[in-house]
C-alpha cells in the first residue's frame, strides 16, 4: 500500500481540499473487518511488544480532527489492542487554571512516552494553534515577545516544530494523524449521537456550536498542516468519512514506522543463559 499519498509533503504548496474525505478505490468494509484490520493489528501488536521490550525508542501519536471525526474510535479499535504496559493516553481539553500558568506545551508532558512506550494524544498541543485562533482566546501574557497579529501563530508553529525535532533527535518518533471528515458526514454522526440513547454520552452541545465555525476551522487546519508537517514529524491526512478504512490506515502507518525502527527482543547474556538453564532444569524436576 502506498501510504505516501496521505502524507503532507513538507515545504510544498498544500491545500486541504486536495485530500479526499472518502475514497472509491479502497477495500470493502467486509474485507477490512474480516481481514485487513485484524491482520494489521496483529502485526502492530507484535511490533509493539518488541518496542516495549527493547526500550530503545518511544513513539508519540497525535490525533486531531473536528468533533466526530473518528479519533476516539481509532483509539478504541486500534490502540486498545496493544499491551497496556507500553501504552499511555491523555486527552487534551480546555486548560485548567494551573495549566494556564505554565507555557502551553507544559500540560502535555505527562502524556509523552518513555522509551518502549507509545503515547497517544487525543487532541494535543496543536489545540493551542486552533481554538484560541478561532475564538480569539489568546491572553496578552501568552503572546511571544516581539510578535504581533498573525505572527504569534507562526512563532508557535516554529516552537512546535522545534519541540518535535528535539523529541525526534532524542529517539522519540512522532506520528500525526488528521481525520479529514466532511461537513455532511459530521452532521450525520452528530445526529446519531443525539438520537441514539446509547450514544448520548458522546454528545456535547458545544459540538454543534463549534460546527458554526466550520469554514474558519478548515482554513486554520490547512495553515497548521502546511506549516507543521516536517520530515521528522509528518502529518497524515485520512479520508475520515470511511471509518474502517481510516482506522486501517492508522495501523498501517504505525506498522511502517515500527518496521523502520526494527525493534528486537533483547538477548540474554551467556552467563544469564547458563543460569536460566539451571532454573529450567530445577522446575522441570519438580514435576518428577
C-alpha atoms as a PDB file:
ATOM      1  CA  UNK A   1       0.000   0.000   0.000  1.00  0.00           C
ATOM      2  CA  UNK A   2       1.276   3.460  -0.927  1.00  0.00           C
ATOM      3  CA  UNK A   3       0.871   5.458   2.281  1.00  0.00           C
ATOM      4  CA  UNK A   4       2.800   8.451   0.940  1.00  0.00           C
ATOM      5  CA  UNK A   5      -0.312   9.869  -0.736  1.00  0.00           C
ATOM      6  CA  UNK A   6      -1.797  10.559   2.701  1.00  0.00           C
ATOM      7  CA  UNK A   7       1.366  12.295   3.909  1.00  0.00           C
ATOM      8  CA  UNK A   8       1.641  16.082   3.762  1.00  0.00           C
ATOM      9  CA  UNK A   9       4.887  16.872   1.943  1.00  0.00           C
ATOM     10  CA  UNK A  10       6.994  19.410   3.857  1.00  0.00           C
ATOM     11  CA  UNK A  11       7.806  22.749   2.236  1.00  0.00           C
ATOM     12  CA  UNK A  12       5.373  22.234  -0.600  1.00  0.00           C
ATOM     13  CA  UNK A  13       2.168  24.044  -1.550  1.00  0.00           C
ATOM     14  CA  UNK A  14      -0.719  22.452   0.318  1.00  0.00           C
ATOM     15  CA  UNK A  15      -4.499  22.577   0.046  1.00  0.00           C
ATOM     16  CA  UNK A  16      -6.675  20.537   2.382  1.00  0.00           C
ATOM     17  CA  UNK A  17      -9.341  20.318  -0.315  1.00  0.00           C
ATOM     18  CA  UNK A  18      -6.962  18.198  -2.429  1.00  0.00           C
ATOM     19  CA  UNK A  19      -7.222  15.402   0.164  1.00  0.00           C
ATOM     20  CA  UNK A  20     -10.351  13.275  -0.067  1.00  0.00           C
ATOM     21  CA  UNK A  21     -12.725  12.746   2.841  1.00  0.00           C
ATOM     22  CA  UNK A  22     -13.815   9.466   1.194  1.00  0.00           C
ATOM     23  CA  UNK A  23     -12.198   7.186  -1.386  1.00  0.00           C
ATOM     24  CA  UNK A  24     -13.861   4.997  -4.020  1.00  0.00           C
ATOM     25  CA  UNK A  25     -10.823   2.787  -4.505  1.00  0.00           C
ATOM     26  CA  UNK A  26     -10.500   1.142  -1.124  1.00  0.00           C
ATOM     27  CA  UNK A  27     -11.061  -2.318   0.342  1.00  0.00           C
ATOM     28  CA  UNK A  28     -14.662  -3.213   1.081  1.00  0.00           C
ATOM     29  CA  UNK A  29     -15.867  -2.914   4.662  1.00  0.00           C
ATOM     30  CA  UNK A  30     -16.214  -6.691   4.796  1.00  0.00           C
ATOM     31  CA  UNK A  31     -12.594  -7.155   3.712  1.00  0.00           C
ATOM     32  CA  UNK A  32     -11.425  -4.513   6.183  1.00  0.00           C
ATOM     33  CA  UNK A  33     -13.354  -6.020   9.106  1.00  0.00           C
ATOM     34  CA  UNK A  34     -12.573  -9.671   8.412  1.00  0.00           C
ATOM     35  CA  UNK A  35      -9.051  -9.491   7.011  1.00  0.00           C
ATOM     36  CA  UNK A  36      -7.196  -6.206   6.596  1.00  0.00           C
ATOM     37  CA  UNK A  37      -7.714  -4.631  10.027  1.00  0.00           C
ATOM     38  CA  UNK A  38      -7.257  -7.850  12.109  1.00  0.00           C
ATOM     39  CA  UNK A  39      -4.048  -8.754  10.246  1.00  0.00           C
ATOM     40  CA  UNK A  40      -2.684  -5.235  10.561  1.00  0.00           C
ATOM     41  CA  UNK A  41      -3.460  -5.097  14.283  1.00  0.00           C
ATOM     42  CA  UNK A  42      -1.797  -8.471  14.913  1.00  0.00           C
ATOM     43  CA  UNK A  43       1.325  -7.190  13.211  1.00  0.00           C
ATOM     44  CA  UNK A  44       1.165  -3.977  15.222  1.00  0.00           C
ATOM     45  CA  UNK A  45       0.786  -5.917  18.490  1.00  0.00           C
ATOM     46  CA  UNK A  46       3.903  -7.960  17.741  1.00  0.00           C
ATOM     47  CA  UNK A  47       5.976  -4.911  16.810  1.00  0.00           C
ATOM     48  CA  UNK A  48       4.743  -3.017  19.875  1.00  0.00           C
ATOM     49  CA  UNK A  49       5.787  -5.894  22.156  1.00  0.00           C
ATOM     50  CA  UNK A  50       9.288  -5.690  20.703  1.00  0.00           C
ATOM     51  CA  UNK A  51       9.369  -1.893  21.061  1.00  0.00           C
ATOM     52  CA  UNK A  52       8.318  -2.242  24.701  1.00  0.00           C
ATOM     53  CA  UNK A  53      10.862  -4.978  25.424  1.00  0.00           C
ATOM     54  CA  UNK A  54      13.751  -3.234  23.693  1.00  0.00           C
ATOM     55  CA  UNK A  55      13.190   0.152  25.439  1.00  0.00           C
ATOM     56  CA  UNK A  56      15.241   1.975  22.832  1.00  0.00           C
ATOM     57  CA  UNK A  57      12.695   4.256  21.169  1.00  0.00           C
ATOM     58  CA  UNK A  58       9.362   5.814  22.032  1.00  0.00           C
ATOM     59  CA  UNK A  59       6.522   6.865  19.729  1.00  0.00           C
ATOM     60  CA  UNK A  60       4.160   9.805  20.195  1.00  0.00           C
ATOM     61  CA  UNK A  61       0.873   9.617  18.276  1.00  0.00           C
ATOM     62  CA  UNK A  62      -1.008  12.873  17.699  1.00  0.00           C
ATOM     63  CA  UNK A  63      -4.697  12.739  16.711  1.00  0.00           C
ATOM     64  CA  UNK A  64      -6.530  15.866  15.515  1.00  0.00           C
ATOM     65  CA  UNK A  65      -9.957  16.331  13.957  1.00  0.00           C
ATOM     66  CA  UNK A  66     -13.228  18.172  14.088  1.00  0.00           C
ATOM     67  CA  UNK A  67     -15.742  16.743  16.574  1.00  0.00           C
ATOM     68  CA  UNK A  68     -16.993  13.287  15.485  1.00  0.00           C
ATOM     69  CA  UNK A  69     -14.007  12.930  13.183  1.00  0.00           C
ATOM     70  CA  UNK A  70     -13.163   9.424  14.413  1.00  0.00           C
ATOM     71  CA  UNK A  71     -10.247   9.924  16.838  1.00  0.00           C
ATOM     72  CA  UNK A  72     -11.842   8.138  19.797  1.00  0.00           C
ATOM     73  CA  UNK A  73     -12.844   5.180  17.640  1.00  0.00           C
ATOM     74  CA  UNK A  74      -9.294   4.833  16.283  1.00  0.00           C
ATOM     75  CA  UNK A  75      -8.032   4.610  19.850  1.00  0.00           C
ATOM     76  CA  UNK A  76     -10.734   2.082  20.770  1.00  0.00           C
ATOM     77  CA  UNK A  77     -10.347  -0.190  17.759  1.00  0.00           C
ATOM     78  CA  UNK A  78      -6.610   0.081  17.092  1.00  0.00           C
ATOM     79  CA  UNK A  79      -4.552   1.148  20.087  1.00  0.00           C
ATOM     80  CA  UNK A  80      -6.642  -0.578  22.760  1.00  0.00           C
ATOM     81  CA  UNK A  81      -5.317  -3.866  21.362  1.00  0.00           C
ATOM     82  CA  UNK A  82      -1.758  -3.027  22.389  1.00  0.00           C
ATOM     83  CA  UNK A  83      -0.004  -4.070  25.585  1.00  0.00           C
ATOM     84  CA  UNK A  84      -1.263  -1.669  28.271  1.00  0.00           C
ATOM     85  CA  UNK A  85       2.155  -1.623  29.968  1.00  0.00           C
ATOM     86  CA  UNK A  86       3.658   0.049  26.913  1.00  0.00           C
ATOM     87  CA  UNK A  87       0.812   2.453  26.226  1.00  0.00           C
ATOM     88  CA  UNK A  88      -0.348   5.765  27.666  1.00  0.00           C
ATOM     89  CA  UNK A  89      -3.200   8.011  26.542  1.00  0.00           C
ATOM     90  CA  UNK A  90      -4.244  11.502  27.513  1.00  0.00           C
ATOM     91  CA  UNK A  91      -6.952  13.764  26.118  1.00  0.00           C
ATOM     92  CA  UNK A  92      -6.097  17.446  25.863  1.00  0.00           C
ATOM     93  CA  UNK A  93      -9.109  19.530  26.873  1.00  0.00           C
ATOM     94  CA  UNK A  94      -9.724  23.104  27.944  1.00  0.00           C
ATOM     95  CA  UNK A  95      -6.690  24.194  30.013  1.00  0.00           C
ATOM     96  CA  UNK A  96      -7.112  24.344  33.787  1.00  0.00           C
ATOM     97  CA  UNK A  97      -6.154  27.337  35.887  1.00  0.00           C
ATOM     98  CA  UNK A  98      -2.884  25.621  36.818  1.00  0.00           C
ATOM     99  CA  UNK A  99      -2.083  24.769  33.208  1.00  0.00           C
ATOM    100  CA  UNK A 100      -2.680  28.360  32.134  1.00  0.00           C
ATOM    101  CA  UNK A 101       0.084  29.481  34.481  1.00  0.00           C
ATOM    102  CA  UNK A 102       2.629  27.455  32.508  1.00  0.00           C
ATOM    103  CA  UNK A 103       3.846  27.504  28.921  1.00  0.00           C
ATOM    104  CA  UNK A 104       1.376  25.922  26.519  1.00  0.00           C
ATOM    105  CA  UNK A 105       3.453  22.771  25.971  1.00  0.00           C
ATOM    106  CA  UNK A 106       3.788  22.063  29.713  1.00  0.00           C
ATOM    107  CA  UNK A 107       0.492  20.223  30.106  1.00  0.00           C
ATOM    108  CA  UNK A 108       1.264  17.519  27.540  1.00  0.00           C
ATOM    109  CA  UNK A 109       4.479  16.383  29.237  1.00  0.00           C
ATOM    110  CA  UNK A 110       2.719  13.731  31.340  1.00  0.00           C
ATOM    111  CA  UNK A 111       1.421  12.187  28.129  1.00  0.00           C
ATOM    112  CA  UNK A 112       4.831  11.893  26.498  1.00  0.00           C
ATOM    113  CA  UNK A 113       6.072   8.321  26.106  1.00  0.00           C
ATOM    114  CA  UNK A 114       9.061   6.761  27.822  1.00  0.00           C
ATOM    115  CA  UNK A 115      11.380   4.546  25.810  1.00  0.00           C
ATOM    116  CA  UNK A 116       9.461   1.411  24.912  1.00  0.00           C
ATOM    117  CA  UNK A 117       6.096   3.179  25.036  1.00  0.00           C
ATOM    118  CA  UNK A 118       3.548   4.534  22.600  1.00  0.00           C
ATOM    119  CA  UNK A 119       1.981   7.735  23.902  1.00  0.00           C
ATOM    120  CA  UNK A 120      -1.325   8.875  22.389  1.00  0.00           C
ATOM    121  CA  UNK A 121      -2.538  12.462  22.481  1.00  0.00           C
ATOM    122  CA  UNK A 122      -6.266  12.588  21.752  1.00  0.00           C
ATOM    123  CA  UNK A 123      -6.104  16.174  20.633  1.00  0.00           C
ATOM    124  CA  UNK A 124      -2.784  17.682  21.512  1.00  0.00           C
ATOM    125  CA  UNK A 125      -0.631  20.776  21.825  1.00  0.00           C
ATOM    126  CA  UNK A 126      -1.981  21.641  18.365  1.00  0.00           C
ATOM    127  CA  UNK A 127      -5.143  22.778  20.138  1.00  0.00           C
ATOM    128  CA  UNK A 128      -3.066  25.819  21.105  1.00  0.00           C
ATOM    129  CA  UNK A 129      -2.943  26.994  17.476  1.00  0.00           C
ATOM    130  CA  UNK A 130      -6.571  26.127  16.694  1.00  0.00           C
ATOM    131  CA  UNK A 131      -9.266  27.028  19.266  1.00  0.00           C
ATOM    132  CA  UNK A 132      -7.580  30.220  20.576  1.00  0.00           C
ATOM    133  CA  UNK A 133      -7.323  31.390  16.980  1.00  0.00           C
ATOM    134  CA  UNK A 134     -10.962  30.670  16.144  1.00  0.00           C
ATOM    135  CA  UNK A 135     -12.309  32.294  19.291  1.00  0.00           C
ATOM    136  CA  UNK A 136      -9.623  34.934  19.891  1.00  0.00           C
ATOM    137  CA  UNK A 137      -8.772  33.477  23.304  1.00  0.00           C
ATOM    138  CA  UNK A 138      -5.076  34.289  23.481  1.00  0.00           C
ATOM    139  CA  UNK A 139      -4.202  36.268  26.602  1.00  0.00           C
ATOM    140  CA  UNK A 140      -1.786  39.158  26.357  1.00  0.00           C
ATOM    141  CA  UNK A 141       0.828  37.401  28.501  1.00  0.00           C
ATOM    142  CA  UNK A 142       0.723  34.392  26.133  1.00  0.00           C
ATOM    143  CA  UNK A 143       1.870  36.417  23.134  1.00  0.00           C
ATOM    144  CA  UNK A 144       5.611  35.883  22.482  1.00  0.00           C
ATOM    145  CA  UNK A 145       7.859  38.912  22.768  1.00  0.00           C
ATOM    146  CA  UNK A 146       8.042  40.958  19.559  1.00  0.00           C
ATOM    147  CA  UNK A 147       5.156  39.028  17.986  1.00  0.00           C
ATOM    148  CA  UNK A 148       2.201  40.943  16.587  1.00  0.00           C
ATOM    149  CA  UNK A 149      -1.024  39.895  14.897  1.00  0.00           C
ATOM    150  CA  UNK A 150      -0.768  36.611  12.997  1.00  0.00           C
ATOM    151  CA  UNK A 151       2.951  36.444  13.772  1.00  0.00           C
ATOM    152  CA  UNK A 152       2.073  34.730  17.052  1.00  0.00           C
ATOM    153  CA  UNK A 153       0.861  31.633  15.169  1.00  0.00           C
ATOM    154  CA  UNK A 154       3.981  31.497  13.005  1.00  0.00           C
ATOM    155  CA  UNK A 155       6.053  31.663  16.194  1.00  0.00           C
ATOM    156  CA  UNK A 156       4.048  28.812  17.727  1.00  0.00           C
ATOM    157  CA  UNK A 157       4.407  26.715  14.585  1.00  0.00           C
ATOM    158  CA  UNK A 158       8.174  27.168  14.814  1.00  0.00           C
ATOM    159  CA  UNK A 159       8.170  26.325  18.520  1.00  0.00           C
ATOM    160  CA  UNK A 160       6.145  23.167  17.909  1.00  0.00           C
ATOM    161  CA  UNK A 161       8.438  22.138  15.048  1.00  0.00           C
ATOM    162  CA  UNK A 162      11.458  22.717  17.303  1.00  0.00           C
ATOM    163  CA  UNK A 163       9.869  20.647  20.082  1.00  0.00           C
ATOM    164  CA  UNK A 164       9.112  17.770  17.709  1.00  0.00           C
ATOM    165  CA  UNK A 165      12.627  17.900  16.263  1.00  0.00           C
ATOM    166  CA  UNK A 166      14.027  17.766  19.811  1.00  0.00           C
ATOM    167  CA  UNK A 167      11.899  14.688  20.545  1.00  0.00           C
ATOM    168  CA  UNK A 168      12.938  13.005  17.299  1.00  0.00           C
ATOM    169  CA  UNK A 169      16.647  13.673  17.825  1.00  0.00           C
ATOM    170  CA  UNK A 170      16.379  12.041  21.243  1.00  0.00           C
ATOM    171  CA  UNK A 171      14.849   8.828  19.924  1.00  0.00           C
ATOM    172  CA  UNK A 172      11.138   9.630  20.170  1.00  0.00           C
ATOM    173  CA  UNK A 173       9.274   9.426  16.886  1.00  0.00           C
ATOM    174  CA  UNK A 174       6.142  11.455  16.236  1.00  0.00           C
ATOM    175  CA  UNK A 175       3.264  10.268  14.054  1.00  0.00           C
ATOM    176  CA  UNK A 176       0.476  12.753  13.363  1.00  0.00           C
ATOM    177  CA  UNK A 177      -2.980  11.934  12.017  1.00  0.00           C
ATOM    178  CA  UNK A 178      -5.565  14.450  10.840  1.00  0.00           C
ATOM    179  CA  UNK A 179      -9.025  12.913  10.380  1.00  0.00           C
ATOM    180  CA  UNK A 180     -10.406  14.739   7.362  1.00  0.00           C
ATOM    181  CA  UNK A 181     -14.157  14.423   7.827  1.00  0.00           C
ATOM    182  CA  UNK A 182     -16.703  16.166   5.586  1.00  0.00           C
ATOM    183  CA  UNK A 183     -19.287  18.554   6.961  1.00  0.00           C
ATOM    184  CA  UNK A 184     -22.135  16.275   5.839  1.00  0.00           C
ATOM    185  CA  UNK A 185     -20.626  13.189   7.467  1.00  0.00           C
ATOM    186  CA  UNK A 186     -20.078  15.105  10.695  1.00  0.00           C
ATOM    187  CA  UNK A 187     -23.755  16.163  10.623  1.00  0.00           C
ATOM    188  CA  UNK A 188     -24.837  12.527  10.329  1.00  0.00           C
ATOM    189  CA  UNK A 189     -22.580  11.382  13.173  1.00  0.00           C
ATOM    190  CA  UNK A 190     -23.682  14.176  15.483  1.00  0.00           C
ATOM    191  CA  UNK A 191     -27.341  13.346  14.797  1.00  0.00           C
ATOM    192  CA  UNK A 192     -26.655   9.689  15.552  1.00  0.00           C
ATOM    193  CA  UNK A 193     -25.139  10.641  18.901  1.00  0.00           C
ATOM    194  CA  UNK A 194     -28.115  12.845  19.682  1.00  0.00           C
ATOM    195  CA  UNK A 195     -30.815  10.357  18.660  1.00  0.00           C
ATOM    196  CA  UNK A 196     -29.274   7.141  19.976  1.00  0.00           C
ATOM    197  CA  UNK A 197     -29.706   6.919  23.796  1.00  0.00           C
ATOM    198  CA  UNK A 198     -26.652   4.667  23.992  1.00  0.00           C
ATOM    199  CA  UNK A 199     -24.534   7.373  22.360  1.00  0.00           C
ATOM    200  CA  UNK A 200     -25.955  10.434  24.126  1.00  0.00           C
ATOM    201  CA  UNK A 201     -22.972  10.416  26.482  1.00  0.00           C
ATOM    202  CA  UNK A 202     -20.696  11.084  23.499  1.00  0.00           C
ATOM    203  CA  UNK A 203     -22.586  14.232  22.538  1.00  0.00           C
ATOM    204  CA  UNK A 204     -21.801  17.737  23.690  1.00  0.00           C
ATOM    205  CA  UNK A 205     -23.920  20.781  22.847  1.00  0.00           C
ATOM    206  CA  UNK A 206     -20.649  22.539  22.179  1.00  0.00           C
ATOM    207  CA  UNK A 207     -20.067  20.206  19.212  1.00  0.00           C
ATOM    208  CA  UNK A 208     -22.943  21.864  17.334  1.00  0.00           C
ATOM    209  CA  UNK A 209     -21.841  25.337  18.393  1.00  0.00           C
ATOM    210  CA  UNK A 210     -18.331  24.737  17.090  1.00  0.00           C
ATOM    211  CA  UNK A 211     -19.791  23.478  13.813  1.00  0.00           C
ATOM    212  CA  UNK A 212     -20.907  27.046  13.131  1.00  0.00           C
ATOM    213  CA  UNK A 213     -17.222  27.910  12.711  1.00  0.00           C
ATOM    214  CA  UNK A 214     -16.620  25.115  10.182  1.00  0.00           C
ATOM    215  CA  UNK A 215     -15.015  27.282   7.485  1.00  0.00           C
ATOM    216  CA  UNK A 216     -12.721  29.007   9.963  1.00  0.00           C
ATOM    217  CA  UNK A 217     -11.570  25.650  11.295  1.00  0.00           C
ATOM    218  CA  UNK A 218     -10.857  24.342   7.799  1.00  0.00           C
ATOM    219  CA  UNK A 219      -8.726  27.395   6.963  1.00  0.00           C
ATOM    220  CA  UNK A 220      -6.778  27.045  10.213  1.00  0.00           C
ATOM    221  CA  UNK A 221      -6.297  23.295   9.744  1.00  0.00           C
ATOM    222  CA  UNK A 222      -4.909  23.941   6.293  1.00  0.00           C
ATOM    223  CA  UNK A 223      -2.488  26.567   7.602  1.00  0.00           C
ATOM    224  CA  UNK A 224      -1.437  24.331  10.520  1.00  0.00           C
ATOM    225  CA  UNK A 225      -0.846  21.258   8.356  1.00  0.00           C
ATOM    226  CA  UNK A 226       1.148  23.248   5.814  1.00  0.00           C
ATOM    227  CA  UNK A 227       3.457  24.777   8.436  1.00  0.00           C
ATOM    228  CA  UNK A 228       3.985  21.810  10.777  1.00  0.00           C
ATOM    229  CA  UNK A 229       4.391  18.785   8.526  1.00  0.00           C
ATOM    230  CA  UNK A 230       8.123  18.095   8.601  1.00  0.00           C
ATOM    231  CA  UNK A 231      10.488  15.332   7.553  1.00  0.00           C
ATOM    232  CA  UNK A 232      10.847  14.198  11.167  1.00  0.00           C
ATOM    233  CA  UNK A 233       7.173  14.586  12.106  1.00  0.00           C
ATOM    234  CA  UNK A 234       4.879  14.459   9.049  1.00  0.00           C
ATOM    235  CA  UNK A 235       1.121  14.814   9.078  1.00  0.00           C
ATOM    236  CA  UNK A 236      -1.087  12.100   7.555  1.00  0.00           C
ATOM    237  CA  UNK A 237      -4.471  13.283   6.259  1.00  0.00           C
ATOM    238  CA  UNK A 238      -7.004  10.452   6.469  1.00  0.00           C
ATOM    239  CA  UNK A 239     -10.271  10.056   4.490  1.00  0.00           C
ATOM    240  CA  UNK A 240     -12.268  10.045   7.718  1.00  0.00           C
ATOM    241  CA  UNK A 241     -15.723   9.594   6.164  1.00  0.00           C
ATOM    242  CA  UNK A 242     -14.563   5.990   5.624  1.00  0.00           C
ATOM    243  CA  UNK A 243     -14.309   4.941   9.260  1.00  0.00           C
ATOM    244  CA  UNK A 244     -12.809   1.467   8.906  1.00  0.00           C
ATOM    245  CA  UNK A 245     -10.533   2.472   6.064  1.00  0.00           C
ATOM    246  CA  UNK A 246      -9.096   5.356   8.094  1.00  0.00           C
ATOM    247  CA  UNK A 247      -8.537   3.040  11.085  1.00  0.00           C
ATOM    248  CA  UNK A 248      -6.740   0.611   8.810  1.00  0.00           C
ATOM    249  CA  UNK A 249      -4.533   3.428   7.532  1.00  0.00           C
ATOM    250  CA  UNK A 250      -3.625   4.388  11.101  1.00  0.00           C
ATOM    251  CA  UNK A 251      -2.458   0.872  11.896  1.00  0.00           C
ATOM    252  CA  UNK A 252      -0.553   0.589   8.604  1.00  0.00           C
ATOM    253  CA  UNK A 253       1.279   3.889   9.148  1.00  0.00           C
ATOM    254  CA  UNK A 254       2.230   2.697  12.632  1.00  0.00           C
ATOM    255  CA  UNK A 255       3.457  -0.609  11.224  1.00  0.00           C
ATOM    256  CA  UNK A 256       5.510   1.175   8.591  1.00  0.00           C
ATOM    257  CA  UNK A 257       7.288   3.247  11.237  1.00  0.00           C
ATOM    258  CA  UNK A 258       7.858   0.301  13.567  1.00  0.00           C
ATOM    259  CA  UNK A 259       9.261  -1.815  10.755  1.00  0.00           C
ATOM    260  CA  UNK A 260      11.674   1.014  10.012  1.00  0.00           C
ATOM    261  CA  UNK A 261      12.740   1.115  13.678  1.00  0.00           C
ATOM    262  CA  UNK A 262      13.014  -2.705  13.621  1.00  0.00           C
ATOM    263  CA  UNK A 263      12.772  -3.300  17.391  1.00  0.00           C
ATOM    264  CA  UNK A 264      14.076  -6.637  18.668  1.00  0.00           C
ATOM    265  CA  UNK A 265      13.560  -8.679  21.806  1.00  0.00           C
ATOM    266  CA  UNK A 266      16.686  -8.331  23.979  1.00  0.00           C
ATOM    267  CA  UNK A 267      19.009 -11.337  24.069  1.00  0.00           C
ATOM    268  CA  UNK A 268      20.238 -12.515  27.460  1.00  0.00           C
ATOM    269  CA  UNK A 269      23.939 -12.858  28.144  1.00  0.00           C
ATOM    270  CA  UNK A 270      25.774 -16.194  28.031  1.00  0.00           C
ATOM    271  CA  UNK A 271      26.152 -16.057  31.807  1.00  0.00           C
ATOM    272  CA  UNK A 272      22.412 -15.493  32.294  1.00  0.00           C
ATOM    273  CA  UNK A 273      21.664 -18.226  29.773  1.00  0.00           C
ATOM    274  CA  UNK A 274      23.590 -20.746  31.869  1.00  0.00           C
ATOM    275  CA  UNK A 275      21.713 -19.603  34.976  1.00  0.00           C
ATOM    276  CA  UNK A 276      18.424 -19.821  33.092  1.00  0.00           C
ATOM    277  CA  UNK A 277      19.144 -23.411  32.046  1.00  0.00           C
ATOM    278  CA  UNK A 278      19.753 -24.329  35.693  1.00  0.00           C
ATOM    279  CA  UNK A 279      16.380 -22.960  36.782  1.00  0.00           C
ATOM    280  CA  UNK A 280      14.617 -24.636  33.870  1.00  0.00           C
ATOM    281  CA  UNK A 281      16.113 -27.945  34.981  1.00  0.00           C
ATOM    282  CA  UNK A 282      15.153 -27.251  38.588  1.00  0.00           C
ATOM    283  CA  UNK A 283      11.500 -26.514  37.766  1.00  0.00           C
ATOM    284  CA  UNK A 284      11.215 -29.498  35.427  1.00  0.00           C
ATOM    285  CA  UNK A 285      12.466 -31.813  38.199  1.00  0.00           C
ATOM    286  CA  UNK A 286       9.684 -30.624  40.484  1.00  0.00           C
ATOM    287  CA  UNK A 287       7.205 -32.424  38.232  1.00  0.00           C
ATOM    288  CA  UNK A 288       9.041 -35.745  38.553  1.00  0.00           C
END
